[in-house]
Amino acid sequence: MNQLLTLLIVLVVFLIIILAGRKDRVGKADAAKESGKKERDEWAKENVLSAYQVQNKRDELTSTIDKKLGADTPDAGMLKKIVNEWAELKLKRFAERRSWVREPEKKED
């Protein structure tokens, strides 16, 4: 009887250890799933423009600035600089977004 009780206690302890480990792994998997879903949602909400669309938008904004403020004013120059920086960032983001497909092993500096 004593041996049976000891065996039962050992089995219960093993069962508890296995279930606790499984619960921890399931929790980690759920957290990874949630973070992946959150990242996909952020990507879906982002306004993604192709390189061609960014260049067209930059040209459109630059011509609008020239028409409304004039080509030689300091404000127009500053706005054009801001538009060009925006376009460069959009193009860089577009390239980074696609880079994992072409070069998955590439490490960031």
PDB file of N, CA and C in Angstrom:
ATOM      1  N   MET A   1       0.817  -1.193   0.000  1.00  0.00           N
ATOM      2  CA  MET A   1       0.000   0.000   0.000  1.00  0.00           C
ATOM      3  C   MET A   1       0.861   1.257   0.000  1.00  0.00           C
ATOM      4  N   ASN A   2       1.937   1.204   0.760  1.00  0.00           N
ATOM      5  CA  ASN A   2       2.851   2.330   0.846  1.00  0.00           C
ATOM      6  C   ASN A   2       3.489   2.622  -0.515  1.00  0.00           C
ATOM      7  N   GLN A   3       3.856   1.568  -1.235  1.00  0.00           N
ATOM      8  CA  GLN A   3       4.471   1.739  -2.548  1.00  0.00           C
ATOM      9  C   GLN A   3       3.471   2.330  -3.541  1.00  0.00           C
ATOM     10  N   LEU A   4       2.252   1.901  -3.472  1.00  0.00           N
ATOM     11  CA  LEU A   4       1.208   2.416  -4.356  1.00  0.00           C
ATOM     12  C   LEU A   4       0.949   3.900  -4.097  1.00  0.00           C
ATOM     13  N   LEU A   5       0.942   4.292  -2.850  1.00  0.00           N
ATOM     14  CA  LEU A   5       0.750   5.694  -2.487  1.00  0.00           C
ATOM     15  C   LEU A   5       1.924   6.543  -2.977  1.00  0.00           C
ATOM     16  N   THR A   6       3.141   6.044  -2.824  1.00  0.00           N
ATOM     17  CA  THR A   6       4.335   6.756  -3.295  1.00  0.00           C
ATOM     18  C   THR A   6       4.294   6.896  -4.812  1.00  0.00           C
ATOM     19  N   LEU A   7       3.948   5.833  -5.505  1.00  0.00           N
ATOM     20  CA  LEU A   7       3.843   5.871  -6.963  1.00  0.00           C
ATOM     21  C   LEU A   7       2.779   6.868  -7.404  1.00  0.00           C
ATOM     22  N   LEU A   8       1.663   6.900  -6.740  1.00  0.00           N
ATOM     23  CA  LEU A   8       0.592   7.836  -7.056  1.00  0.00           C
ATOM     24  C   LEU A   8       1.044   9.283  -6.847  1.00  0.00           C
ATOM     25  N   ILE A   9       1.744   9.546  -5.769  1.00  0.00           N
ATOM     26  CA  ILE A   9       2.248  10.901  -5.494  1.00  0.00           C
ATOM     27  C   ILE A   9       3.249  11.316  -6.560  1.00  0.00           C
ATOM     28  N   VAL A  10       4.151  10.417  -6.943  1.00  0.00           N
ATOM     29  CA  VAL A  10       5.146  10.722  -7.984  1.00  0.00           C
ATOM     30  C   VAL A  10       4.441  11.012  -9.307  1.00  0.00           C
ATOM     31  N   LEU A  11       3.448  10.221  -9.660  1.00  0.00           N
ATOM     32  CA  LEU A  11       2.706  10.453 -10.901  1.00  0.00           C
ATOM     33  C   LEU A  11       1.965  11.789 -10.880  1.00  0.00           C
ATOM     34  N   VAL A  12       1.384  12.136  -9.763  1.00  0.00           N
ATOM     35  CA  VAL A  12       0.691  13.422  -9.638  1.00  0.00           C
ATOM     36  C   VAL A  12       1.682  14.576  -9.786  1.00  0.00           C
ATOM     37  N   VAL A  13       2.857  14.447  -9.179  1.00  0.00           N
ATOM     38  CA  VAL A  13       3.880  15.498  -9.292  1.00  0.00           C
ATOM     39  C   VAL A  13       4.316  15.640 -10.744  1.00  0.00           C
ATOM     40  N   PHE A  14       4.571  14.521 -11.441  1.00  0.00           N
ATOM     41  CA  PHE A  14       4.947  14.584 -12.855  1.00  0.00           C
ATOM     42  C   PHE A  14       3.842  15.214 -13.696  1.00  0.00           C
ATOM     43  N   LEU A  15       2.615  14.869 -13.417  1.00  0.00           N
ATOM     44  CA  LEU A  15       1.488  15.435 -14.148  1.00  0.00           C
ATOM     45  C   LEU A  15       1.407  16.951 -13.946  1.00  0.00           C
ATOM     46  N   ILE A  16       1.609  17.391 -12.731  1.00  0.00           N
ATOM     47  CA  ILE A  16       1.590  18.832 -12.437  1.00  0.00           C
ATOM     48  C   ILE A  16       2.729  19.536 -13.165  1.00  0.00           C
ATOM     49  N   ILE A  17       3.918  18.943 -13.167  1.00  0.00           N
ATOM     50  CA  ILE A  17       5.071  19.548 -13.851  1.00  0.00           C
ATOM     51  C   ILE A  17       4.806  19.638 -15.351  1.00  0.00           C
ATOM     52  N   ILE A  18       4.279  18.581 -15.932  1.00  0.00           N
ATOM     53  CA  ILE A  18       4.000  18.577 -17.373  1.00  0.00           C
ATOM     54  C   ILE A  18       2.943  19.618 -17.722  1.00  0.00           C
ATOM     55  N   LEU A  19       1.881  19.689 -16.954  1.00  0.00           N
ATOM     56  CA  LEU A  19       0.818  20.655 -17.237  1.00  0.00           C
ATOM     57  C   LEU A  19       1.293  22.092 -17.042  1.00  0.00           C
ATOM     58  N   ALA A  20       2.119  22.323 -16.034  1.00  0.00           N
ATOM     59  CA  ALA A  20       2.634  23.679 -15.796  1.00  0.00           C
ATOM     60  C   ALA A  20       3.549  24.101 -16.942  1.00  0.00           C
ATOM     61  N   GLY A  21       4.389  23.186 -17.417  1.00  0.00           N
ATOM     62  CA  GLY A  21       5.267  23.499 -18.546  1.00  0.00           C
ATOM     63  C   GLY A  21       4.483  23.771 -19.812  1.00  0.00           C
ATOM     64  N   ARG A  22       3.435  22.994 -20.021  1.00  0.00           N
ATOM     65  CA  ARG A  22       2.594  23.194 -21.197  1.00  0.00           C
ATOM     66  C   ARG A  22       1.890  24.544 -21.124  1.00  0.00           C
ATOM     67  N   LYS A  23       1.410  24.887 -19.949  1.00  0.00           N
ATOM     68  CA  LYS A  23       0.715  26.158 -19.769  1.00  0.00           C
ATOM     69  C   LYS A  23       1.654  27.326 -20.067  1.00  0.00           C
ATOM     70  N   ASP A  24       2.906  27.217 -19.643  1.00  0.00           N
ATOM     71  CA  ASP A  24       3.895  28.262 -19.901  1.00  0.00           C
ATOM     72  C   ASP A  24       4.164  28.391 -21.401  1.00  0.00           C
ATOM     73  N   ARG A  25       4.324  27.260 -22.081  1.00  0.00           N
ATOM     74  CA  ARG A  25       4.577  27.292 -23.527  1.00  0.00           C
ATOM     75  C   ARG A  25       3.380  27.844 -24.285  1.00  0.00           C
ATOM     76  N   VAL A  26       2.188  27.491 -23.858  1.00  0.00           N
ATOM     77  CA  VAL A  26       0.979  28.012 -24.502  1.00  0.00           C
ATOM     78  C   VAL A  26       0.888  29.521 -24.296  1.00  0.00           C
ATOM     79  N   GLY A  27       1.234  29.987 -23.110  1.00  0.00           N
ATOM     80  CA  GLY A  27       1.225  31.428 -22.840  1.00  0.00           C
ATOM     81  C   GLY A  27       2.215  32.171 -23.717  1.00  0.00           C
ATOM     82  N   LYS A  28       3.414  31.607 -23.880  1.00  0.00           N
ATOM     83  CA  LYS A  28       4.416  32.231 -24.749  1.00  0.00           C
ATOM     84  C   LYS A  28       3.954  32.230 -26.201  1.00  0.00           C
ATOM     85  N   ALA A  29       3.351  31.137 -26.639  1.00  0.00           N
ATOM     86  CA  ALA A  29       2.852  31.058 -28.014  1.00  0.00           C
ATOM     87  C   ALA A  29       1.733  32.071 -28.244  1.00  0.00           C
ATOM     88  N   ASP A  30       0.851  32.224 -27.273  1.00  0.00           N
ATOM     89  CA  ASP A  30      -0.223  33.215 -27.396  1.00  0.00           C
ATOM     90  C   ASP A  30       0.334  34.632 -27.462  1.00  0.00           C
ATOM     91  N   ALA A  31       1.355  34.911 -26.657  1.00  0.00           N
ATOM     92  CA  ALA A  31       1.974  36.240 -26.678  1.00  0.00           C
ATOM     93  C   ALA A  31       2.630  36.502 -28.030  1.00  0.00           C
ATOM     94  N   ALA A  32       3.314  35.500 -28.576  1.00  0.00           N
ATOM     95  CA  ALA A  32       3.943  35.655 -29.890  1.00  0.00           C
ATOM     96  C   ALA A  32       2.886  35.854 -30.972  1.00  0.00           C
ATOM     97  N   LYS A  33       1.792  35.128 -30.859  1.00  0.00           N
ATOM     98  CA  LYS A  33       0.704  35.260 -31.826  1.00  0.00           C
ATOM     99  C   LYS A  33       0.095  36.657 -31.767  1.00  0.00           C
ATOM    100  N   GLU A  34      -0.115  37.168 -30.567  1.00  0.00           N
ATOM    101  CA  GLU A  34      -0.682  38.510 -30.405  1.00  0.00           C
ATOM    102  C   GLU A  34       0.254  39.582 -30.960  1.00  0.00           C
ATOM    103  N   SER A  35       1.553  39.449 -30.684  1.00  0.00           N
ATOM    104  CA  SER A  35       2.493  40.452 -31.191  1.00  0.00           C
ATOM    105  C   SER A  35       2.552  40.406 -32.713  1.00  0.00           C
ATOM    106  N   GLY A  36       2.485  39.208 -33.288  1.00  0.00           N
ATOM    107  CA  GLY A  36       2.457  39.087 -34.743  1.00  0.00           C
ATOM    108  C   GLY A  36       1.205  39.701 -35.338  1.00  0.00           C
ATOM    109  N   LYS A  37       0.079  39.464 -34.688  1.00  0.00           N
ATOM    110  CA  LYS A  37      -1.181  40.037 -35.167  1.00  0.00           C
ATOM    111  C   LYS A  37      -1.155  41.559 -35.068  1.00  0.00           C
ATOM    112  N   LYS A  38      -0.606  42.061 -33.967  1.00  0.00           N
ATOM    113  CA  LYS A  38      -0.508  43.508 -33.776  1.00  0.00           C
ATOM    114  C   LYS A  38       0.369  44.127 -34.864  1.00  0.00           C
ATOM    115  N   GLU A  39       1.482  43.473 -35.174  1.00  0.00           N
ATOM    116  CA  GLU A  39       2.384  43.985 -36.211  1.00  0.00           C
ATOM    117  C   GLU A  39       1.704  43.951 -37.580  1.00  0.00           C
ATOM    118  N   ARG A  40       0.987  42.884 -37.881  1.00  0.00           N
ATOM    119  CA  ARG A  40       0.272  42.802 -39.161  1.00  0.00           C
ATOM    120  C   ARG A  40      -0.792  43.887 -39.258  1.00  0.00           C
ATOM    121  N   ASP A  41      -1.483  44.155 -38.162  1.00  0.00           N
ATOM    122  CA  ASP A  41      -2.491  45.215 -38.163  1.00  0.00           C
ATOM    123  C   ASP A  41      -1.859  46.581 -38.408  1.00  0.00           C
ATOM    124  N   GLU A  42      -0.694  46.812 -37.804  1.00  0.00           N
ATOM    125  CA  GLU A  42       0.005  48.081 -38.024  1.00  0.00           C
ATOM    126  C   GLU A  42       0.423  48.216 -39.480  1.00  0.00           C
ATOM    127  N   TRP A  43       0.906  47.132 -40.068  1.00  0.00           N
ATOM    128  CA  TRP A  43       1.295  47.165 -41.483  1.00  0.00           C
ATOM    129  C   TRP A  43       0.074  47.421 -42.365  1.00  0.00           C
ATOM    130  N   ALA A  44      -1.053  46.841 -42.001  1.00  0.00           N
ATOM    131  CA  ALA A  44      -2.258  47.003 -42.809  1.00  0.00           C
ATOM    132  C   ALA A  44      -2.777  48.436 -42.756  1.00  0.00           C
ATOM    133  N   LYS A  45      -2.617  49.087 -41.620  1.00  0.00           N
ATOM    134  CA  LYS A  45      -3.101  50.456 -41.470  1.00  0.00           C
ATOM    135  C   LYS A  45      -2.184  51.475 -42.146  1.00  0.00           C
ATOM    136  N   GLU A  46      -0.952  51.086 -42.367  1.00  0.00           N
ATOM    137  CA  GLU A  46       0.021  52.019 -42.927  1.00  0.00           C
ATOM    138  C   GLU A  46      -0.317  52.321 -44.383  1.00  0.00           C
ATOM    139  N   ASN A  47      -0.169  53.570 -44.753  1.00  0.00           N
ATOM    140  CA  ASN A  47      -0.404  53.992 -46.121  1.00  0.00           C
ATOM    141  C   ASN A  47       0.852  53.697 -46.932  1.00  0.00           C
ATOM    142  N   VAL A  48       0.813  52.620 -47.698  1.00  0.00           N
ATOM    143  CA  VAL A  48       1.981  52.196 -48.459  1.00  0.00           C
ATOM    144  C   VAL A  48       1.849  52.708 -49.879  1.00  0.00           C
ATOM    145  N   LEU A  49       2.842  53.459 -50.295  1.00  0.00           N
ATOM    146  CA  LEU A  49       2.875  53.977 -51.652  1.00  0.00           C
ATOM    147  C   LEU A  49       4.057  53.361 -52.379  1.00  0.00           C
ATOM    148  N   SER A  50       3.880  53.086 -53.655  1.00  0.00           N
ATOM    149  CA  SER A  50       4.996  52.583 -54.445  1.00  0.00           C
ATOM    150  C   SER A  50       5.958  53.737 -54.714  1.00  0.00           C
ATOM    151  N   ALA A  51       7.134  53.403 -55.214  1.00  0.00           N
ATOM    152  CA  ALA A  51       8.133  54.435 -55.502  1.00  0.00           C
ATOM    153  C   ALA A  51       7.591  55.427 -56.528  1.00  0.00           C
ATOM    154  N   TYR A  52       6.888  54.925 -57.508  1.00  0.00           N
ATOM    155  CA  TYR A  52       6.306  55.788 -58.536  1.00  0.00           C
ATOM    156  C   TYR A  52       5.275  56.741 -57.932  1.00  0.00           C
ATOM    157  N   GLN A  53       4.427  56.231 -57.047  1.00  0.00           N
ATOM    158  CA  GLN A  53       3.408  57.067 -56.411  1.00  0.00           C
ATOM    159  C   GLN A  53       4.040  58.132 -55.521  1.00  0.00           C
ATOM    160  N   VAL A  54       5.118  57.774 -54.823  1.00  0.00           N
ATOM    161  CA  VAL A  54       5.806  58.743 -53.959  1.00  0.00           C
ATOM    162  C   VAL A  54       6.401  59.859 -54.804  1.00  0.00           C
ATOM    163  N   GLN A  55       7.027  59.502 -55.917  1.00  0.00           N
ATOM    164  CA  GLN A  55       7.620  60.527 -56.781  1.00  0.00           C
ATOM    165  C   GLN A  55       6.550  61.435 -57.375  1.00  0.00           C
ATOM    166  N   ASN A  56       5.432  60.857 -57.776  1.00  0.00           N
ATOM    167  CA  ASN A  56       4.334  61.682 -58.301  1.00  0.00           C
ATOM    168  C   ASN A  56       3.794  62.623 -57.234  1.00  0.00           C
ATOM    169  N   LYS A  57       3.620  62.104 -56.023  1.00  0.00           N
ATOM    170  CA  LYS A  57       3.111  62.934 -54.927  1.00  0.00           C
ATOM    171  C   LYS A  57       4.100  64.051 -54.601  1.00  0.00           C
ATOM    172  N   ARG A  58       5.407  63.728 -54.591  1.00  0.00           N
ATOM    173  CA  ARG A  58       6.425  64.743 -54.324  1.00  0.00           C
ATOM    174  C   ARG A  58       6.382  65.834 -55.394  1.00  0.00           C
ATOM    175  N   ASP A  59       6.286  65.434 -56.668  1.00  0.00           N
ATOM    176  CA  ASP A  59       6.218  66.418 -57.752  1.00  0.00           C
ATOM    177  C   ASP A  59       4.959  67.279 -57.634  1.00  0.00           C
ATOM    178  N   GLU A  60       3.849  66.651 -57.282  1.00  0.00           N
ATOM    179  CA  GLU A  60       2.592  67.382 -57.118  1.00  0.00           C
ATOM    180  C   GLU A  60       2.694  68.400 -55.979  1.00  0.00           C
ATOM    181  N   LEU A  61       3.248  67.973 -54.851  1.00  0.00           N
ATOM    182  CA  LEU A  61       3.391  68.886 -53.710  1.00  0.00           C
ATOM    183  C   LEU A  61       4.366  70.021 -54.021  1.00  0.00           C
ATOM    184  N   THR A  62       5.448  69.701 -54.704  1.00  0.00           N
ATOM    185  CA  THR A  62       6.430  70.733 -55.060  1.00  0.00           C
ATOM    186  C   THR A  62       5.813  71.768 -55.995  1.00  0.00           C
ATOM    187  N   SER A  63       5.053  71.307 -56.979  1.00  0.00           N
ATOM    188  CA  SER A  63       4.424  72.266 -57.901  1.00  0.00           C
ATOM    189  C   SER A  63       3.365  73.106 -57.184  1.00  0.00           C
ATOM    190  N   THR A  64       2.651  72.509 -56.239  1.00  0.00           N
ATOM    191  CA  THR A  64       1.663  73.263 -55.462  1.00  0.00           C
ATOM    192  C   THR A  64       2.351  74.331 -54.613  1.00  0.00           C
ATOM    193  N   ILE A  65       3.482  73.983 -54.020  1.00  0.00           N
ATOM    194  CA  ILE A  65       4.244  74.960 -53.223  1.00  0.00           C
ATOM    195  C   ILE A  65       4.706  76.104 -54.112  1.00  0.00           C
ATOM    196  N   ASP A  66       5.209  75.769 -55.304  1.00  0.00           N
ATOM    197  CA  ASP A  66       5.665  76.813 -56.230  1.00  0.00           C
ATOM    198  C   ASP A  66       4.519  77.739 -56.634  1.00  0.00           C
ATOM    199  N   LYS A  67       3.344  77.163 -56.873  1.00  0.00           N
ATOM    200  CA  LYS A  67       2.198  77.977 -57.297  1.00  0.00           C
ATOM    201  C   LYS A  67       1.696  78.876 -56.172  1.00  0.00           C
ATOM    202  N   LYS A  68       1.612  78.324 -54.973  1.00  0.00           N
ATOM    203  CA  LYS A  68       1.009  79.069 -53.866  1.00  0.00           C
ATOM    204  C   LYS A  68       1.974  80.046 -53.193  1.00  0.00           C
ATOM    205  N   LEU A  69       3.232  79.641 -53.024  1.00  0.00           N
ATOM    206  CA  LEU A  69       4.175  80.483 -52.285  1.00  0.00           C
ATOM    207  C   LEU A  69       5.233  81.138 -53.159  1.00  0.00           C
ATOM    208  N   GLY A  70       5.388  80.660 -54.357  1.00  0.00           N
ATOM    209  CA  GLY A  70       6.452  81.169 -55.212  1.00  0.00           C
ATOM    210  C   GLY A  70       7.699  80.318 -55.033  1.00  0.00           C
ATOM    211  N   ALA A  71       8.536  80.288 -56.044  1.00  0.00           N
ATOM    212  CA  ALA A  71       9.685  79.380 -56.041  1.00  0.00           C
ATOM    213  C   ALA A  71      10.846  79.896 -55.206  1.00  0.00           C
ATOM    214  N   ASP A  72      10.943  81.203 -54.987  1.00  0.00           N
ATOM    215  CA  ASP A  72      12.144  81.766 -54.372  1.00  0.00           C
ATOM    216  C   ASP A  72      11.991  82.167 -52.909  1.00  0.00           C
ATOM    217  N   THR A  73      10.866  81.956 -52.301  1.00  0.00           N
ATOM    218  CA  THR A  73      10.690  82.363 -50.906  1.00  0.00           C
ATOM    219  C   THR A  73      11.335  81.352 -49.959  1.00  0.00           C
ATOM    220  N   PRO A  74      11.790  81.822 -48.795  1.00  0.00           N
ATOM    221  CA  PRO A  74      12.409  80.898 -47.828  1.00  0.00           C
ATOM    222  C   PRO A  74      11.435  79.831 -47.319  1.00  0.00           C
ATOM    223  N   ASP A  75      10.170  80.221 -47.150  1.00  0.00           N
ATOM    224  CA  ASP A  75       9.177  79.246 -46.693  1.00  0.00           C
ATOM    225  C   ASP A  75       8.986  78.135 -47.724  1.00  0.00           C
ATOM    226  N   ALA A  76       8.975  78.511 -48.996  1.00  0.00           N
ATOM    227  CA  ALA A  76       8.820  77.511 -50.051  1.00  0.00           C
ATOM    228  C   ALA A  76      10.012  76.558 -50.057  1.00  0.00           C
ATOM    229  N   GLY A  77      11.199  77.105 -49.873  1.00  0.00           N
ATOM    230  CA  GLY A  77      12.390  76.256 -49.820  1.00  0.00           C
ATOM    231  C   GLY A  77      12.340  75.274 -48.662  1.00  0.00           C
ATOM    232  N   MET A  78      11.879  75.766 -47.509  1.00  0.00           N
ATOM    233  CA  MET A  78      11.785  74.901 -46.335  1.00  0.00           C
ATOM    234  C   MET A  78      10.734  73.807 -46.554  1.00  0.00           C
ATOM    235  N   LEU A  79       9.589  74.191 -47.116  1.00  0.00           N
ATOM    236  CA  LEU A  79       8.546  73.201 -47.385  1.00  0.00           C
ATOM    237  C   LEU A  79       9.005  72.162 -48.408  1.00  0.00           C
ATOM    238  N   LYS A  80       9.733  72.606 -49.421  1.00  0.00           N
ATOM    239  CA  LYS A  80      10.253  71.656 -50.412  1.00  0.00           C
ATOM    240  C   LYS A  80      11.233  70.683 -49.773  1.00  0.00           C
ATOM    241  N   LYS A  81      12.047  71.196 -48.855  1.00  0.00           N
ATOM    242  CA  LYS A  81      12.992  70.328 -48.156  1.00  0.00           C
ATOM    243  C   LYS A  81      12.240  69.279 -47.334  1.00  0.00           C
ATOM    244  N   ILE A  82      11.185  69.717 -46.656  1.00  0.00           N
ATOM    245  CA  ILE A  82      10.372  68.791 -45.856  1.00  0.00           C
ATOM    246  C   ILE A  82       9.719  67.742 -46.755  1.00  0.00           C
ATOM    247  N   VAL A  83       9.185  68.167 -47.887  1.00  0.00           N
ATOM    248  CA  VAL A  83       8.546  67.234 -48.819  1.00  0.00           C
ATOM    249  C   VAL A  83       9.566  66.232 -49.348  1.00  0.00           C
ATOM    250  N   ASN A  84      10.762  66.708 -49.688  1.00  0.00           N
ATOM    251  CA  ASN A  84      11.802  65.802 -50.191  1.00  0.00           C
ATOM    252  C   ASN A  84      12.239  64.804 -49.122  1.00  0.00           C
ATOM    253  N   GLU A  85      12.363  65.254 -47.882  1.00  0.00           N
ATOM    254  CA  GLU A  85      12.723  64.334 -46.800  1.00  0.00           C
ATOM    255  C   GLU A  85      11.617  63.303 -46.578  1.00  0.00           C
ATOM    256  N   TRP A  86      10.369  63.752 -46.649  1.00  0.00           N
ATOM    257  CA  TRP A  86       9.246  62.818 -46.522  1.00  0.00           C
ATOM    258  C   TRP A  86       9.303  61.761 -47.620  1.00  0.00           C
ATOM    259  N   ALA A  87       9.560  62.211 -48.841  1.00  0.00           N
ATOM    260  CA  ALA A  87       9.615  61.275 -49.969  1.00  0.00           C
ATOM    261  C   ALA A  87      10.765  60.283 -49.796  1.00  0.00           C
ATOM    262  N   GLU A  88      11.916  60.765 -49.334  1.00  0.00           N
ATOM    263  CA  GLU A  88      13.053  59.865 -49.110  1.00  0.00           C
ATOM    264  C   GLU A  88      12.724  58.828 -48.041  1.00  0.00           C
ATOM    265  N   LEU A  89      12.062  59.262 -46.960  1.00  0.00           N
ATOM    266  CA  LEU A  89      11.678  58.320 -45.907  1.00  0.00           C
ATOM    267  C   LEU A  89      10.669  57.290 -46.415  1.00  0.00           C
ATOM    268  N   LYS A  90       9.715  57.731 -47.216  1.00  0.00           N
ATOM    269  CA  LYS A  90       8.732  56.802 -47.773  1.00  0.00           C
ATOM    270  C   LYS A  90       9.406  55.784 -48.691  1.00  0.00           C
ATOM    271  N   LEU A  91      10.338  56.253 -49.519  1.00  0.00           N
ATOM    272  CA  LEU A  91      11.046  55.339 -50.416  1.00  0.00           C
ATOM    273  C   LEU A  91      11.903  54.352 -49.627  1.00  0.00           C
ATOM    274  N   LYS A  92      12.548  54.848 -48.570  1.00  0.00           N
ATOM    275  CA  LYS A  92      13.365  53.972 -47.731  1.00  0.00           C
ATOM    276  C   LYS A  92      12.484  52.935 -47.045  1.00  0.00           C
ATOM    277  N   ARG A  93      11.348  53.362 -46.533  1.00  0.00           N
ATOM    278  CA  ARG A  93      10.419  52.448 -45.857  1.00  0.00           C
ATOM    279  C   ARG A  93       9.893  51.399 -46.831  1.00  0.00           C
ATOM    280  N   PHE A  94       9.601  51.819 -48.052  1.00  0.00           N
ATOM    281  CA  PHE A  94       9.132  50.890 -49.073  1.00  0.00           C
ATOM    282  C   PHE A  94      10.201  49.845 -49.370  1.00  0.00           C
ATOM    283  N   ALA A  95      11.453  50.284 -49.478  1.00  0.00           N
ATOM    284  CA  ALA A  95      12.554  49.350 -49.741  1.00  0.00           C
ATOM    285  C   ALA A  95      12.762  48.401 -48.563  1.00  0.00           C
ATOM    286  N   GLU A  96      12.681  48.919 -47.334  1.00  0.00           N
ATOM    287  CA  GLU A  96      12.852  48.073 -46.146  1.00  0.00           C
ATOM    288  C   GLU A  96      11.723  47.062 -46.032  1.00  0.00           C
ATOM    289  N   ARG A  97      10.554  47.469 -46.387  1.00  0.00           N
ATOM    290  CA  ARG A  97       9.397  46.581 -46.287  1.00  0.00           C
ATOM    291  C   ARG A  97       9.543  45.393 -47.222  1.00  0.00           C
ATOM    292  N   ARG A  98      10.165  45.607 -48.358  1.00  0.00           N
ATOM    293  CA  ARG A  98      10.329  44.540 -49.334  1.00  0.00           C
ATOM    294  C   ARG A  98      11.637  43.791 -49.181  1.00  0.00           C
ATOM    295  N   SER A  99      12.589  44.324 -48.425  1.00  0.00           N
ATOM    296  CA  SER A  99      13.928  43.736 -48.378  1.00  0.00           C
ATOM    297  C   SER A  99      13.947  42.353 -47.753  1.00  0.00           C
ATOM    298  N   TRP A 100      13.058  42.054 -46.835  1.00  0.00           N
ATOM    299  CA  TRP A 100      13.078  40.748 -46.193  1.00  0.00           C
ATOM    300  C   TRP A 100      12.756  39.635 -47.183  1.00  0.00           C
ATOM    301  N   VAL A 101      12.059  39.966 -48.266  1.00  0.00           N
ATOM    302  CA  VAL A 101      11.744  38.964 -49.276  1.00  0.00           C
ATOM    303  C   VAL A 101      12.969  38.662 -50.120  1.00  0.00           C
ATOM    304  N   ARG A 102      13.695  39.701 -50.499  1.00  0.00           N
ATOM    305  CA  ARG A 102      14.840  39.513 -51.381  1.00  0.00           C
ATOM    306  C   ARG A 102      16.090  39.094 -50.644  1.00  0.00           C
ATOM    307  N   GLU A 103      16.336  39.639 -49.468  1.00  0.00           N
ATOM    308  CA  GLU A 103      17.575  39.384 -48.734  1.00  0.00           C
ATOM    309  C   GLU A 103      17.265  39.051 -47.281  1.00  0.00           C
ATOM    310  N   PRO A 104      16.759  37.861 -47.002  1.00  0.00           N
ATOM    311  CA  PRO A 104      16.375  37.547 -45.621  1.00  0.00           C
ATOM    312  C   PRO A 104      17.550  37.451 -44.659  1.00  0.00           C
ATOM    313  N   GLU A 105      18.762  37.158 -45.164  1.00  0.00           N
ATOM    314  CA  GLU A 105      19.906  37.004 -44.267  1.00  0.00           C
ATOM    315  C   GLU A 105      20.610  38.318 -43.967  1.00  0.00           C
ATOM    316  N   LYS A 106      20.265  39.385 -44.658  1.00  0.00           N
ATOM    317  CA  LYS A 106      20.964  40.657 -44.494  1.00  0.00           C
ATOM    318  C   LYS A 106      20.763  41.197 -43.084  1.00  0.00           C
ATOM    319  N   LYS A 107      21.868  41.540 -42.431  1.00  0.00           N
ATOM    320  CA  LYS A 107      21.820  42.085 -41.070  1.00  0.00           C
ATOM    321  C   LYS A 107      21.826  43.604 -41.153  1.00  0.00           C
ATOM    322  N   GLU A 108      21.112  44.232 -40.210  1.00  0.00           N
ATOM    323  CA  GLU A 108      21.112  45.693 -40.149  1.00  0.00           C
ATOM    324  C   GLU A 108      22.377  46.172 -39.468  1.00  0.00           C
ATOM    325  N   ASP A 109      22.891  47.311 -39.926  1.00  0.00           N
ATOM    326  CA  ASP A 109      24.129  47.871 -39.349  1.00  0.00           C
ATOM    327  C   ASP A 109      23.853  48.597 -38.072  1.00  0.00           C
TER     328      ASP A 109
END
